[in-house]
Amino acid sequence: MVTPSQAGIMSVPEETGATFEENALLKARYYAERSGLLTLADDSGLEVDALNGGPGVYSARYGGPGISDSDRVSKLLKALEGVPWQRRTARFRCVVALVWPGGAEETFDGAREGYVTLEPRGNNGFGYDPIFFLPELRKTMAELPPEVKNQLSHRAEAARKAVIRLQKELSLARLPTDSEVKTPHGR
C-alpha cells in the first residue's frame, strides 16, 4: 500500500461532487489514473436532519475556508439553536470508493446514527466529534477512547465493507500450486 505522495502524486483533486459517493469516486479515479494502481479513497461528513442533511459534503468547508473545527462546531450549534432534542438527529456518513486500473469501480457506505448535542463534550477525535452523541453509549464521539471510536465509526463500517470486497478479490486470484512453482535448482 502506498500513499499518493509515496507514488509521486503531489496534487489533490478538487471535490466538486454533490454527494459523498461522487467525491469519493472523483478522488479514487484521480489517483488511480495517475498511479496506475488499485486505489481507495473516501469522502465523509455530518448530515443533520434539521438542516436538510447539511452540512453534508460541505462538512469540512462549513463556514468557509480557513476556519477551525471549533468554529465549524460553533456555527453548527448556532444553526440548531432552539431545535428540540428529538429533532437534532444526525448521522456521520462515509463512502469508500475502490477504482481498479482497468476502470472498474465500486463504492461502500458506512453510517453512524446519533444526535447533535447542545454543547461540545470530550477531548478525543476531531471535527464534529465533540457534538455527535451516540445514544446507545450515552457519550459523544469525542468522549470515546480512539480504539472504540475507530471500531464503530462510519469510516470503519465503510472500510470493513471495502476490505471484505478486496479479500474476495484476492481469494479469486489463482495462486500457483506447489508443482507449478519452479525453484532455482528444479526442486
Protein backbone atom coordinates (compact mmCIF):
# COMPACT_ATOMS: atom_id res chain seq x y z
CA MET A 1 0.00 0.00 0.00
CA VAL A 2 1.29 3.47 -0.88
CA THR A 3 0.04 6.98 -0.25
CA PRO A 4 -0.35 9.46 -3.12
CA SER A 5 2.85 11.26 -2.10
CA GLN A 6 4.74 7.94 -1.98
CA ALA A 7 3.52 7.36 -5.55
CA GLY A 8 4.88 10.79 -6.53
CA ILE A 9 1.46 12.45 -6.75
CA MET A 10 1.56 15.82 -5.03
CA SER A 11 -1.62 17.34 -6.45
CA VAL A 12 -5.07 16.99 -4.91
CA PRO A 13 -8.34 16.80 -6.86
CA GLU A 14 -11.00 19.43 -6.26
CA GLU A 15 -14.05 17.94 -4.54
CA THR A 16 -16.82 19.09 -6.86
CA GLY A 17 -19.29 16.25 -6.31
CA ALA A 18 -22.77 16.79 -4.92
CA THR A 19 -22.65 13.55 -2.89
CA PHE A 20 -20.14 11.65 -0.77
CA GLU A 21 -20.13 8.91 -3.43
CA GLU A 22 -19.32 11.38 -6.23
CA ASN A 23 -16.44 12.91 -4.25
CA ALA A 24 -15.02 9.53 -3.20
CA LEU A 25 -15.10 8.31 -6.80
CA LEU A 26 -13.65 11.58 -8.09
CA LYS A 27 -10.67 11.23 -5.73
CA ALA A 28 -10.17 7.50 -6.37
CA ARG A 29 -10.28 7.99 -10.16
CA TYR A 30 -7.85 10.89 -9.94
CA TYR A 31 -5.24 8.90 -8.02
CA ALA A 32 -5.82 5.66 -9.97
CA GLU A 33 -5.24 7.45 -13.28
CA ARG A 34 -2.02 8.99 -12.03
CA SER A 35 -0.64 5.94 -10.23
CA GLY A 36 -1.88 3.04 -12.34
CA LEU A 37 -2.71 1.27 -9.05
CA LEU A 38 -5.86 -0.05 -7.42
CA THR A 39 -6.96 3.00 -5.45
CA LEU A 40 -9.06 3.52 -2.35
CA ALA A 41 -10.42 6.97 -1.45
CA ASP A 42 -13.20 8.19 0.78
CA ASP A 43 -15.43 11.15 1.48
CA SER A 44 -17.35 11.70 4.66
CA GLY A 45 -19.24 14.22 6.70
CA LEU A 46 -22.08 15.00 9.04
CA GLU A 47 -25.72 15.07 7.90
CA VAL A 48 -28.09 16.89 10.26
CA ASP A 49 -31.78 16.22 9.61
CA ALA A 50 -32.93 19.62 10.94
CA LEU A 51 -30.56 21.24 8.41
CA ASN A 52 -31.93 19.21 5.49
CA GLY A 53 -28.87 16.96 5.51
CA GLY A 54 -26.36 19.78 5.87
CA PRO A 55 -23.52 20.38 6.18
CA GLY A 56 -23.17 17.04 4.32
CA VAL A 57 -20.48 17.09 1.62
CA TYR A 58 -19.52 20.57 2.81
CA SER A 59 -18.75 19.42 6.37
CA ALA A 60 -15.02 20.22 6.18
CA ARG A 61 -15.75 23.55 4.46
CA TYR A 62 -18.79 24.55 6.55
CA GLY A 63 -18.40 28.21 7.44
CA GLY A 64 -15.86 28.95 4.72
CA PRO A 65 -12.17 28.40 4.10
CA GLY A 66 -9.61 28.64 6.86
CA ILE A 67 -11.87 28.31 9.89
CA SER A 68 -11.12 25.85 12.67
CA ASP A 69 -13.04 22.75 13.69
CA SER A 70 -14.11 24.65 16.80
CA ASP A 71 -15.52 27.48 14.67
CA ARG A 72 -17.41 24.99 12.47
CA VAL A 73 -18.87 23.33 15.58
CA SER A 74 -19.96 26.73 16.91
CA LYS A 75 -21.57 27.64 13.60
CA LEU A 76 -23.47 24.34 13.52
CA LEU A 77 -24.67 24.72 17.11
CA LYS A 78 -25.84 28.27 16.35
CA ALA A 79 -27.78 26.97 13.32
CA LEU A 80 -29.52 24.48 15.64
CA GLU A 81 -30.40 26.96 18.40
CA GLY A 82 -33.97 26.35 19.54
CA VAL A 83 -34.21 22.96 17.82
CA PRO A 84 -35.54 20.45 20.37
CA TRP A 85 -33.54 17.30 21.22
CA GLN A 86 -35.83 14.89 19.36
CA ARG A 87 -35.25 16.87 16.12
CA ARG A 88 -31.45 17.03 16.48
CA THR A 89 -30.97 13.67 14.74
CA ALA A 90 -27.90 13.31 12.59
CA ARG A 91 -25.52 10.81 11.12
CA PHE A 92 -21.89 10.62 10.22
CA ARG A 93 -21.66 9.16 6.70
CA CYS A 94 -18.70 7.83 4.76
CA VAL A 95 -18.35 6.40 1.29
CA VAL A 96 -15.21 4.48 0.35
CA ALA A 97 -14.53 4.11 -3.36
CA LEU A 98 -12.33 1.49 -4.99
CA VAL A 99 -11.11 2.12 -8.53
CA TRP A 100 -9.13 -0.53 -10.38
CA PRO A 101 -6.51 0.40 -13.01
CA GLY A 102 -8.78 -1.01 -15.75
CA GLY A 103 -11.57 1.36 -14.73
CA ALA A 104 -13.84 -0.89 -12.64
CA GLU A 105 -15.36 0.98 -9.71
CA GLU A 106 -17.20 0.09 -6.51
CA THR A 107 -18.39 2.09 -3.52
CA PHE A 108 -19.14 1.12 0.07
CA ASP A 109 -21.28 3.09 2.54
CA GLY A 110 -20.96 3.45 6.27
CA ALA A 111 -23.16 5.45 8.64
CA ARG A 112 -23.41 6.07 12.36
CA GLU A 113 -26.69 7.48 13.68
CA GLY A 114 -26.84 9.89 16.61
CA TYR A 115 -27.82 13.36 17.80
CA VAL A 116 -26.20 16.78 17.85
CA THR A 117 -25.63 17.88 21.45
CA LEU A 118 -26.32 21.34 22.84
CA GLU A 119 -22.64 21.90 23.60
CA PRO A 120 -19.29 20.19 22.93
CA ARG A 121 -18.23 17.30 25.21
CA GLY A 122 -14.99 15.34 25.21
CA ASN A 123 -11.41 15.87 24.04
CA ASN A 124 -10.80 12.93 21.69
CA GLY A 125 -11.37 12.95 17.96
CA PHE A 126 -11.71 15.94 15.68
CA GLY A 127 -14.26 17.85 13.63
CA TYR A 128 -17.80 17.36 14.87
CA ASP A 129 -16.93 14.51 17.28
CA PRO A 130 -17.49 16.68 20.41
CA ILE A 131 -21.14 17.34 19.45
CA PHE A 132 -22.08 13.96 17.96
CA PHE A 133 -23.90 11.97 20.65
CA LEU A 134 -24.31 8.19 20.47
CA PRO A 135 -27.45 7.34 22.48
CA GLU A 136 -26.56 3.66 22.93
CA LEU A 137 -23.26 4.64 24.62
CA ARG A 138 -24.54 7.88 26.19
CA LYS A 139 -21.36 9.64 25.04
CA THR A 140 -20.18 11.87 22.24
CA MET A 141 -17.65 10.50 19.78
CA ALA A 142 -15.07 12.79 21.44
CA GLU A 143 -15.69 11.11 24.82
CA LEU A 144 -14.75 7.68 23.46
CA PRO A 145 -11.25 6.24 23.53
CA PRO A 146 -9.79 6.30 19.99
CA GLU A 147 -9.78 2.50 19.70
CA VAL A 148 -13.53 2.36 20.43
CA LYS A 149 -14.35 5.24 18.11
CA ASN A 150 -12.26 3.70 15.33
CA GLN A 151 -14.17 0.41 15.61
CA LEU A 152 -17.68 1.83 15.46
CA SER A 153 -17.27 4.88 13.24
CA HIS A 154 -18.91 5.44 9.89
CA ARG A 155 -15.49 5.28 8.24
CA ALA A 156 -14.70 1.94 9.92
CA GLU A 157 -18.00 0.48 8.67
CA ALA A 158 -17.36 1.57 5.07
CA ALA A 159 -13.73 0.42 5.24
CA ARG A 160 -14.75 -3.02 6.57
CA LYS A 161 -17.04 -3.48 3.57
CA ALA A 162 -14.23 -2.47 1.19
CA VAL A 163 -11.81 -4.88 2.92
CA ILE A 164 -14.30 -7.76 2.56
CA ARG A 165 -14.55 -6.96 -1.15
CA LEU A 166 -10.78 -6.88 -1.53
CA GLN A 167 -10.44 -10.17 0.37
CA LYS A 168 -12.93 -11.71 -2.02
CA GLU A 169 -10.92 -10.35 -4.97
CA LEU A 170 -7.74 -11.86 -3.56
CA SER A 171 -9.36 -15.23 -2.91
CA LEU A 172 -10.48 -15.32 -6.54
CA ALA A 173 -6.94 -14.73 -7.73
CA ARG A 174 -5.46 -18.10 -8.66
CA LEU A 175 -2.29 -18.89 -6.79
CA PRO A 176 0.18 -21.37 -8.32
CA THR A 177 0.25 -24.88 -6.93
CA ASP A 178 3.42 -26.32 -5.41
CA SER A 179 4.08 -28.32 -8.58
CA GLU A 180 3.89 -25.15 -10.69
CA VAL A 181 6.42 -23.24 -8.59
CA LYS A 182 9.89 -23.59 -10.02
CA THR A 183 12.85 -23.23 -7.71
CA PRO A 184 16.31 -22.25 -8.94
CA HIS A 185 17.52 -25.86 -8.62
CA GLY A 186 14.49 -27.55 -10.15
CA ARG A 187 13.13 -28.81 -6.84
